[in-house]
Amino acid sequence: MEVKIYYFKTSFYLSLGVSLDSTVRDATIYFIQAFMQCDDSDKSLMKFPNNVEAYELRFMNDDEDFMPDFNFDPLNKDRIFSSYNLNSLVLL
């Protein structure tokens, strides 16, 4: 499953493949690792790269590019990632 992850309310994103059976927690760990390994990312934005609980994935706001929609709760870290059936998210 391919997904576009925007990071920290910026226009920076990575398109990443995620296993269909990954939990949101596992996917978040993967998204953090990909960000930290990317030469073009601003690593100063990732304050706690070893603490997945410090971050959350949120739905995109339909009215604003790459911004999270705070009208909805963050994705539940215990659910299977593919059950959300999303192609773009924001990591905060």
C-alpha atoms as a PDB file:
ATOM      1  CA  MET A   1       0.000   0.000   0.000  1.00  0.00           C
ATOM      2  CA  GLU A   2       1.484   3.345  -1.084  1.00  0.00           C
ATOM      3  CA  VAL A   3       0.909   6.398   1.098  1.00  0.00           C
ATOM      4  CA  LYS A   4       2.086  10.015   1.032  1.00  0.00           C
ATOM      5  CA  ILE A   5       3.224  11.221   4.469  1.00  0.00           C
ATOM      6  CA  TYR A   6       3.520  14.942   5.133  1.00  0.00           C
ATOM      7  CA  TYR A   7       5.706  15.854   8.077  1.00  0.00           C
ATOM      8  CA  PHE A   8       5.101  18.464  10.786  1.00  0.00           C
ATOM      9  CA  LYS A   9       2.684  20.743   8.914  1.00  0.00           C
ATOM     10  CA  THR A  10       5.247  21.407   6.176  1.00  0.00           C
ATOM     11  CA  SER A  11       5.080  20.739   2.455  1.00  0.00           C
ATOM     12  CA  PHE A  12       7.819  18.093   2.827  1.00  0.00           C
ATOM     13  CA  TYR A  13       6.514  14.574   2.198  1.00  0.00           C
ATOM     14  CA  LEU A  14       7.688  11.073   1.428  1.00  0.00           C
ATOM     15  CA  SER A  15       5.784   8.504  -0.631  1.00  0.00           C
ATOM     16  CA  LEU A  16       6.247   5.200   1.141  1.00  0.00           C
ATOM     17  CA  GLY A  17       5.004   1.665   0.798  1.00  0.00           C
ATOM     18  CA  VAL A  18       3.421   0.096   3.875  1.00  0.00           C
ATOM     19  CA  SER A  19       2.657  -3.562   4.508  1.00  0.00           C
ATOM     20  CA  LEU A  20      -1.081  -4.248   4.512  1.00  0.00           C
ATOM     21  CA  ASP A  21      -0.862  -5.990   7.897  1.00  0.00           C
ATOM     22  CA  SER A  22       1.169  -3.266   9.682  1.00  0.00           C
ATOM     23  CA  THR A  23      -0.338  -1.585  12.696  1.00  0.00           C
ATOM     24  CA  VAL A  24      -0.473   2.201  12.763  1.00  0.00           C
ATOM     25  CA  ARG A  25       2.261   2.054  15.447  1.00  0.00           C
ATOM     26  CA  ASP A  26       4.556  -0.003  13.175  1.00  0.00           C
ATOM     27  CA  ALA A  27       3.822   2.263  10.220  1.00  0.00           C
ATOM     28  CA  THR A  28       4.601   5.343  12.336  1.00  0.00           C
ATOM     29  CA  ILE A  29       7.957   3.856  13.342  1.00  0.00           C
ATOM     30  CA  TYR A  30       8.692   3.207   9.666  1.00  0.00           C
ATOM     31  CA  PHE A  31       7.692   6.777   8.699  1.00  0.00           C
ATOM     32  CA  ILE A  32       9.956   8.214  11.401  1.00  0.00           C
ATOM     33  CA  GLN A  33      12.886   6.044  10.275  1.00  0.00           C
ATOM     34  CA  ALA A  34      12.359   7.005   6.618  1.00  0.00           C
ATOM     35  CA  PHE A  35      12.333  10.691   7.570  1.00  0.00           C
ATOM     36  CA  MET A  36      15.544  10.359   9.566  1.00  0.00           C
ATOM     37  CA  GLN A  37      17.284   8.523   6.701  1.00  0.00           C
ATOM     38  CA  CYS A  38      16.200  10.961   4.003  1.00  0.00           C
ATOM     39  CA  ASP A  39      18.956  13.365   2.962  1.00  0.00           C
ATOM     40  CA  ASP A  40      16.435  16.128   2.216  1.00  0.00           C
ATOM     41  CA  SER A  41      14.548  16.087   5.531  1.00  0.00           C
ATOM     42  CA  ASP A  42      15.004  18.687   8.261  1.00  0.00           C
ATOM     43  CA  LYS A  43      15.964  16.362  11.087  1.00  0.00           C
ATOM     44  CA  SER A  44      15.699  19.158  13.654  1.00  0.00           C
ATOM     45  CA  LEU A  45      11.894  18.787  13.365  1.00  0.00           C
ATOM     46  CA  MET A  46      12.066  15.236  14.730  1.00  0.00           C
ATOM     47  CA  LYS A  47      12.637  15.924  18.424  1.00  0.00           C
ATOM     48  CA  PHE A  48      12.134  12.333  19.657  1.00  0.00           C
ATOM     49  CA  PRO A  49      13.045   9.933  16.826  1.00  0.00           C
ATOM     50  CA  ASN A  50      13.220   6.946  19.185  1.00  0.00           C
ATOM     51  CA  ASN A  51       9.827   7.522  20.821  1.00  0.00           C
ATOM     52  CA  VAL A  52       6.907   6.583  18.589  1.00  0.00           C
ATOM     53  CA  GLU A  53       4.467   7.615  21.329  1.00  0.00           C
ATOM     54  CA  ALA A  54       5.574  11.245  20.886  1.00  0.00           C
ATOM     55  CA  TYR A  55       4.059  11.294  17.378  1.00  0.00           C
ATOM     56  CA  GLU A  56       0.689  10.742  15.802  1.00  0.00           C
ATOM     57  CA  LEU A  57      -0.743  10.315  12.341  1.00  0.00           C
ATOM     58  CA  ARG A  58      -3.670  12.515  11.393  1.00  0.00           C
ATOM     59  CA  PHE A  59      -6.059  12.824   8.496  1.00  0.00           C
ATOM     60  CA  MET A  60      -5.336  15.543   5.951  1.00  0.00           C
ATOM     61  CA  ASN A  61      -7.440  18.689   5.974  1.00  0.00           C
ATOM     62  CA  ASP A  62      -9.329  18.830   2.669  1.00  0.00           C
ATOM     63  CA  ASP A  63      -9.293  22.632   2.657  1.00  0.00           C
ATOM     64  CA  GLU A  64      -5.574  23.175   3.315  1.00  0.00           C
ATOM     65  CA  ASP A  65      -2.632  21.504   1.626  1.00  0.00           C
ATOM     66  CA  PHE A  66      -0.501  19.265   3.865  1.00  0.00           C
ATOM     67  CA  MET A  67      -2.244  20.384   7.060  1.00  0.00           C
ATOM     68  CA  PRO A  68      -3.792  17.997   9.607  1.00  0.00           C
ATOM     69  CA  ASP A  69      -7.512  17.903  10.243  1.00  0.00           C
ATOM     70  CA  PHE A  70      -8.003  18.408  13.977  1.00  0.00           C
ATOM     71  CA  ASN A  71     -11.737  17.716  13.699  1.00  0.00           C
ATOM     72  CA  PHE A  72     -10.830  14.023  13.916  1.00  0.00           C
ATOM     73  CA  ASP A  73      -8.818  12.079  16.465  1.00  0.00           C
ATOM     74  CA  PRO A  74      -5.379  10.808  15.473  1.00  0.00           C
ATOM     75  CA  LEU A  75      -5.205   7.337  13.998  1.00  0.00           C
ATOM     76  CA  ASN A  76      -5.385   4.610  16.634  1.00  0.00           C
ATOM     77  CA  LYS A  77      -1.900   3.094  16.921  1.00  0.00           C
ATOM     78  CA  ASP A  78      -3.315  -0.373  17.645  1.00  0.00           C
ATOM     79  CA  ARG A  79      -5.418  -0.603  14.451  1.00  0.00           C
ATOM     80  CA  ILE A  80      -4.239  -2.119  11.194  1.00  0.00           C
ATOM     81  CA  PHE A  81      -2.952   0.727   9.026  1.00  0.00           C
ATOM     82  CA  SER A  82      -4.653  -0.450   5.821  1.00  0.00           C
ATOM     83  CA  SER A  83      -8.071  -0.445   7.543  1.00  0.00           C
ATOM     84  CA  TYR A  84      -8.064   3.343   7.226  1.00  0.00           C
ATOM     85  CA  ASN A  85      -7.740   3.118   3.422  1.00  0.00           C
ATOM     86  CA  LEU A  86      -5.945   6.465   3.104  1.00  0.00           C
ATOM     87  CA  ASN A  87      -3.396   7.706   0.601  1.00  0.00           C
ATOM     88  CA  SER A  88      -2.227  10.901   2.404  1.00  0.00           C
ATOM     89  CA  LEU A  89      -1.596  11.634   6.080  1.00  0.00           C
ATOM     90  CA  VAL A  90       0.215  14.101   8.310  1.00  0.00           C
ATOM     91  CA  LEU A  91       2.763  12.992  10.911  1.00  0.00           C
ATOM     92  CA  LEU A  92       2.966  15.294  13.925  1.00  0.00           C
END
